């Protein structure tokens, strides 16, 4: 009996280590993929080919941090919805609806700050509706109507979730949810990189007669492009400048707030 108990504990510990190792591997893989897609989107705005894409540690951290924030915010939203579900107002938080909430809010978060503000305002207005307005007008009657509408959906969703949990285990179910959330955000990382380039305001500008800006770096080189500061445009014709003191006629640079810039047509 003792041997069986110890064997069960050992298997449980091994399964836990495998699950945690798998999560670390997934986070690392998604981090590199997110970094690559972010760089592709960023350089696409400047009309640079993919051959100049380099995935460095800062890019990986930046893109992964964006995904992490999205996941944390959506989990907070899920907790909020769960609280409403159990205390105030019937909201379907089954597997299908939960995934839709996560995807929708992640899209709002990644598309831009104004949409995030709009989403927060909507969430606040929804809270006022649930906690103030509905109780005043006897929300219990409304709850009965909504319960009839979402009953079938909730039963089906709960059965699906229970089926996955029973078949694969709760840890695998969590991993499936994690992969689903991150994958849905992956489609937005490239657009986020492009949006960051579009909203860039500060550039390193050469102190030359015909000014040029540093778009990015590639290996030991700066990628420079001509800029029209007055019209806030850049010309997608690039020059590579080696980052070395031995480079002849190396220009001096000054950080200036001249953006956001648009490509010259």
Protein backbone atom coordinates (compact mmCIF):
# COMPACT_ATOMS: atom_id res chain seq x y z
CA UNK A 1 0.00 0.00 0.00
CA UNK A 2 2.79 2.39 0.93
CA UNK A 3 4.60 1.64 -2.33
CA UNK A 4 1.44 2.39 -4.33
CA UNK A 5 0.97 5.72 -2.51
CA UNK A 6 4.60 6.71 -3.12
CA UNK A 7 4.28 5.66 -6.77
CA UNK A 8 1.15 7.79 -7.13
CA UNK A 9 2.89 10.79 -5.57
CA UNK A 10 5.89 10.32 -7.88
CA UNK A 11 3.66 10.16 -10.98
CA UNK A 12 1.74 13.24 -9.83
CA UNK A 13 5.00 15.14 -9.26
CA UNK A 14 6.33 14.07 -12.67
CA UNK A 15 3.13 15.14 -14.40
CA UNK A 16 3.34 18.52 -12.66
CA UNK A 17 6.92 19.03 -13.82
CA UNK A 18 6.00 18.06 -17.39
CA UNK A 19 3.07 20.47 -17.38
CA UNK A 20 5.17 23.35 -16.02
CA UNK A 21 8.00 22.61 -18.47
CA UNK A 22 5.52 22.58 -21.35
CA UNK A 23 4.15 25.98 -20.30
CA UNK A 24 7.71 27.42 -20.18
CA UNK A 25 8.45 25.99 -23.64
CA UNK A 26 5.21 27.43 -25.03
CA UNK A 27 5.90 30.87 -23.54
CA UNK A 28 9.43 30.85 -25.03
CA UNK A 29 8.20 29.74 -28.45
CA UNK A 30 5.38 32.28 -28.49
CA UNK A 31 7.83 34.95 -27.32
CA UNK A 32 10.14 34.41 -30.30
CA UNK A 33 7.21 34.20 -32.72
CA UNK A 34 5.64 37.35 -31.28
CA UNK A 35 8.98 39.16 -31.53
CA UNK A 36 9.39 38.17 -35.17
CA UNK A 37 5.84 39.18 -36.13
CA UNK A 38 6.20 42.49 -34.28
CA UNK A 39 9.41 43.30 -36.18
CA UNK A 40 7.80 42.33 -39.50
CA UNK A 41 4.91 44.71 -38.82
CA UNK A 42 7.22 47.51 -37.64
CA UNK A 43 9.46 47.32 -40.72
CA UNK A 44 6.53 46.88 -43.07
CA UNK A 45 5.38 50.42 -42.25
CA UNK A 46 8.75 51.73 -43.41
CA UNK A 47 8.59 49.46 -46.49
CA UNK A 48 11.65 47.51 -45.42
CA UNK A 49 11.94 43.88 -46.63
CA UNK A 50 11.81 40.97 -44.18
CA UNK A 51 15.53 40.31 -44.72
CA UNK A 52 16.23 43.16 -42.26
CA UNK A 53 14.19 41.53 -39.48
CA UNK A 54 16.26 40.73 -36.39
CA UNK A 55 14.63 39.32 -33.27
CA UNK A 56 16.57 40.62 -30.28
CA UNK A 57 15.88 40.24 -26.58
CA UNK A 58 14.32 43.74 -26.20
CA UNK A 59 11.84 42.98 -28.99
CA UNK A 60 10.93 39.61 -27.47
CA UNK A 61 10.39 41.20 -24.04
CA UNK A 62 8.33 44.04 -25.52
CA UNK A 63 6.05 41.82 -27.60
CA UNK A 64 5.71 39.14 -24.89
CA UNK A 65 4.94 41.79 -22.29
CA UNK A 66 2.15 43.05 -24.53
CA UNK A 67 0.67 39.54 -24.70
CA UNK A 68 1.10 39.10 -20.93
CA UNK A 69 -0.75 42.34 -20.22
CA UNK A 70 -3.56 41.28 -22.53
CA UNK A 71 -3.89 37.95 -20.74
CA UNK A 72 -3.83 39.54 -17.28
CA UNK A 73 -6.45 42.13 -18.22
CA UNK A 74 -8.72 39.51 -19.76
CA UNK A 75 -8.38 37.29 -16.69
CA UNK A 76 -9.39 40.23 -14.49
CA UNK A 77 -12.35 40.79 -16.78
CA UNK A 78 -13.29 37.11 -16.50
CA UNK A 79 -13.18 37.33 -12.69
CA UNK A 80 -15.41 40.40 -12.85
CA UNK A 81 -17.89 38.61 -15.10
CA UNK A 82 -17.82 35.55 -12.84
CA UNK A 83 -18.64 37.78 -9.86
CA UNK A 84 -21.60 39.23 -11.70
CA UNK A 85 -22.67 35.73 -12.71
CA UNK A 86 -22.82 34.51 -9.11
CA UNK A 87 -24.10 37.65 -7.39
CA UNK A 88 -25.97 40.07 -9.57
CA UNK A 89 -26.76 39.26 -13.15
CA UNK A 90 -26.81 36.07 -15.21
CA UNK A 91 -23.96 36.10 -17.72
CA UNK A 92 -22.95 32.99 -19.60
CA UNK A 93 -19.32 32.22 -18.68
CA UNK A 94 -19.10 28.82 -20.33
CA UNK A 95 -16.14 27.83 -22.48
CA UNK A 96 -17.42 29.33 -25.74
CA UNK A 97 -18.56 32.65 -24.29
CA UNK A 98 -15.44 32.95 -22.13
CA UNK A 99 -13.21 32.52 -25.18
CA UNK A 100 -15.22 35.21 -27.02
CA UNK A 101 -14.82 37.63 -24.09
CA UNK A 102 -11.05 37.05 -24.04
CA UNK A 103 -10.59 37.47 -27.79
CA UNK A 104 -12.79 40.58 -27.93
CA UNK A 105 -11.10 42.38 -25.04
CA UNK A 106 -7.62 41.42 -26.30
CA UNK A 107 -8.47 42.94 -29.68
CA UNK A 108 -9.61 46.14 -27.96
CA UNK A 109 -6.40 46.27 -25.93
CA UNK A 110 -4.00 45.72 -28.83
CA UNK A 111 -5.62 48.01 -31.39
CA UNK A 112 -4.89 51.27 -29.60
CA UNK A 113 -5.20 53.38 -26.47
CA UNK A 114 -8.42 55.14 -27.51
CA UNK A 115 -10.19 51.81 -27.98
CA UNK A 116 -8.90 50.67 -24.58
CA UNK A 117 -10.36 53.79 -22.99
CA UNK A 118 -13.63 53.13 -24.81
CA UNK A 119 -13.66 49.52 -23.57
CA UNK A 120 -13.01 50.64 -19.98
CA UNK A 121 -15.81 53.22 -20.22
CA UNK A 122 -18.18 50.55 -21.56
CA UNK A 123 -17.17 48.20 -18.74
CA UNK A 124 -17.75 50.96 -16.17
CA UNK A 125 -21.13 51.80 -17.71
CA UNK A 126 -22.00 48.11 -17.64
CA UNK A 127 -21.12 47.99 -13.93
CA UNK A 128 -23.41 50.95 -13.22
CA UNK A 129 -26.16 49.24 -15.20
CA UNK A 130 -25.80 45.99 -13.28
CA UNK A 131 -25.24 47.38 -9.78
CA UNK A 132 -27.51 50.44 -9.84
CA UNK A 133 -30.06 50.64 -12.64
CA UNK A 134 -31.13 47.00 -12.84
CA UNK A 135 -31.69 46.64 -9.05
CA UNK A 136 -33.84 49.79 -9.11
CA UNK A 137 -36.07 48.30 -11.79
CA UNK A 138 -36.22 44.89 -10.12
CA UNK A 139 -33.65 43.02 -12.16
CA UNK A 140 -34.98 39.64 -10.97
CA UNK A 141 -37.69 39.71 -13.63
CA UNK A 142 -35.07 40.44 -16.28
CA UNK A 143 -32.91 37.65 -14.88
CA UNK A 144 -35.68 35.11 -15.41
CA UNK A 145 -36.01 36.13 -19.07
CA UNK A 146 -32.25 36.07 -19.70
CA UNK A 147 -31.92 32.69 -17.94
CA UNK A 148 -34.31 31.13 -20.46
CA UNK A 149 -32.34 32.58 -23.39
CA UNK A 150 -28.88 31.41 -22.29
CA UNK A 151 -29.86 28.16 -20.52
CA UNK A 152 -29.30 25.87 -23.50
CA UNK A 153 -26.00 27.53 -24.45
CA UNK A 154 -24.70 27.26 -20.90
CA UNK A 155 -25.57 23.57 -20.56
CA UNK A 156 -23.84 22.72 -23.85
CA UNK A 157 -20.75 24.79 -22.97
CA UNK A 158 -20.46 23.31 -19.48
CA UNK A 159 -20.70 19.78 -20.90
CA UNK A 160 -17.91 20.54 -23.40
CA UNK A 161 -15.66 21.96 -20.65
CA UNK A 162 -16.34 19.02 -18.33
CA UNK A 163 -15.67 16.59 -21.17
CA UNK A 164 -12.27 18.14 -21.93
CA UNK A 165 -11.34 18.24 -18.22
CA UNK A 166 -12.34 14.62 -17.61
CA UNK A 167 -10.57 13.36 -20.73
CA UNK A 168 -7.33 15.33 -20.57
CA UNK A 169 -7.15 16.64 -17.00
CA UNK A 170 -7.44 20.16 -15.59
CA UNK A 171 -3.79 21.06 -16.31
CA UNK A 172 -4.11 20.20 -20.00
CA UNK A 173 -7.36 22.18 -20.11
CA UNK A 174 -5.53 25.22 -18.72
CA UNK A 175 -2.78 24.79 -21.33
CA UNK A 176 -5.41 24.56 -24.09
CA UNK A 177 -6.97 27.81 -22.87
CA UNK A 178 -3.53 29.46 -22.67
CA UNK A 179 -2.65 28.43 -26.22
CA UNK A 180 -6.05 29.60 -27.49
CA UNK A 181 -5.71 33.02 -25.82
CA UNK A 182 -2.14 33.62 -26.98
CA UNK A 183 -2.82 32.37 -30.51
CA UNK A 184 -5.75 34.76 -30.85
CA UNK A 185 -3.42 37.60 -29.85
CA UNK A 186 -0.68 36.50 -32.27
CA UNK A 187 -2.73 37.74 -35.20
CA UNK A 188 -2.60 41.22 -33.66
CA UNK A 189 1.11 41.42 -32.81
CA UNK A 190 2.15 42.24 -36.37
CA UNK A 191 -0.47 44.98 -36.60
CA UNK A 192 0.70 46.32 -33.24
CA UNK A 193 4.27 46.60 -34.57
CA UNK A 194 3.01 48.51 -37.60
CA UNK A 195 0.88 50.74 -35.39
CA UNK A 196 3.85 51.53 -33.10
CA UNK A 197 5.89 52.59 -36.15
CA UNK A 198 3.00 54.71 -37.37
CA UNK A 199 2.76 56.52 -34.01
CA UNK A 200 6.53 56.95 -33.48
CA UNK A 201 7.31 60.59 -32.65
CA UNK A 202 11.01 60.71 -31.71
CA UNK A 203 13.83 59.91 -34.12
CA UNK A 204 17.60 60.27 -34.32
CA UNK A 205 18.14 62.93 -37.01
CA UNK A 206 21.46 63.61 -38.76
CA UNK A 207 22.86 67.13 -38.52
CA UNK A 208 23.43 67.38 -42.27
CA UNK A 209 22.21 69.66 -45.07
CA UNK A 210 19.76 66.99 -46.19
CA UNK A 211 18.62 65.42 -42.92
CA UNK A 212 18.09 61.70 -42.55
CA UNK A 213 16.51 59.70 -39.76
CA UNK A 214 17.50 56.41 -38.18
CA UNK A 215 14.69 53.99 -38.95
CA UNK A 216 16.24 50.97 -37.26
CA UNK A 217 19.47 49.04 -36.94
CA UNK A 218 20.64 45.87 -38.67
CA UNK A 219 23.65 44.02 -37.28
CA UNK A 220 26.36 46.76 -37.01
CA UNK A 221 24.58 49.23 -39.26
CA UNK A 222 22.08 52.07 -38.92
CA UNK A 223 19.26 52.09 -41.46
CA UNK A 224 18.84 55.71 -42.61
CA UNK A 225 16.08 57.30 -44.67
CA UNK A 226 15.66 60.86 -46.04
CA UNK A 227 13.13 62.92 -44.10
CA UNK A 228 11.09 66.02 -44.81
CA UNK A 229 10.66 67.48 -41.34
CA UNK A 230 8.37 70.28 -42.49
CA UNK A 231 5.85 67.98 -44.18
CA UNK A 232 6.41 65.12 -41.70
CA UNK A 233 7.22 62.54 -44.37
CA UNK A 234 10.08 60.15 -45.07
CA UNK A 235 11.27 58.74 -48.37
CA UNK A 236 11.54 54.91 -48.41
CA UNK A 237 15.02 54.98 -49.96
CA UNK A 238 17.50 53.60 -47.49
CA UNK A 239 21.17 53.80 -46.71
CA UNK A 240 23.20 51.57 -44.39
CA UNK A 241 25.69 53.37 -42.15
CA UNK A 242 28.21 51.34 -40.18
CA UNK A 243 28.23 52.07 -36.43
CA UNK A 244 31.96 52.63 -36.05
CA UNK A 245 34.25 55.53 -35.19
CA UNK A 246 36.41 54.50 -38.14
CA UNK A 247 33.58 55.22 -40.59
CA UNK A 248 34.60 58.20 -42.76
CA UNK A 249 32.39 61.30 -42.57
CA UNK A 250 30.30 59.81 -39.78
CA UNK A 251 27.48 62.33 -39.14
CA UNK A 252 26.34 63.45 -35.73
CA UNK A 253 22.84 62.65 -34.56
CA UNK A 254 20.30 64.55 -32.50
CA UNK A 255 17.16 63.11 -30.99
CA UNK A 256 14.19 65.17 -32.14
CA UNK A 257 10.44 64.95 -31.81
CA UNK A 258 9.42 65.25 -35.48
CA UNK A 259 6.74 62.58 -35.86
CA UNK A 260 4.54 60.85 -36.45
CA UNK A 261 5.84 60.46 -40.00
CA UNK A 262 4.17 59.16 -43.14
CA UNK A 263 5.84 57.56 -46.18
CA UNK A 264 6.20 59.98 -49.08
CA UNK A 265 3.92 59.09 -51.97
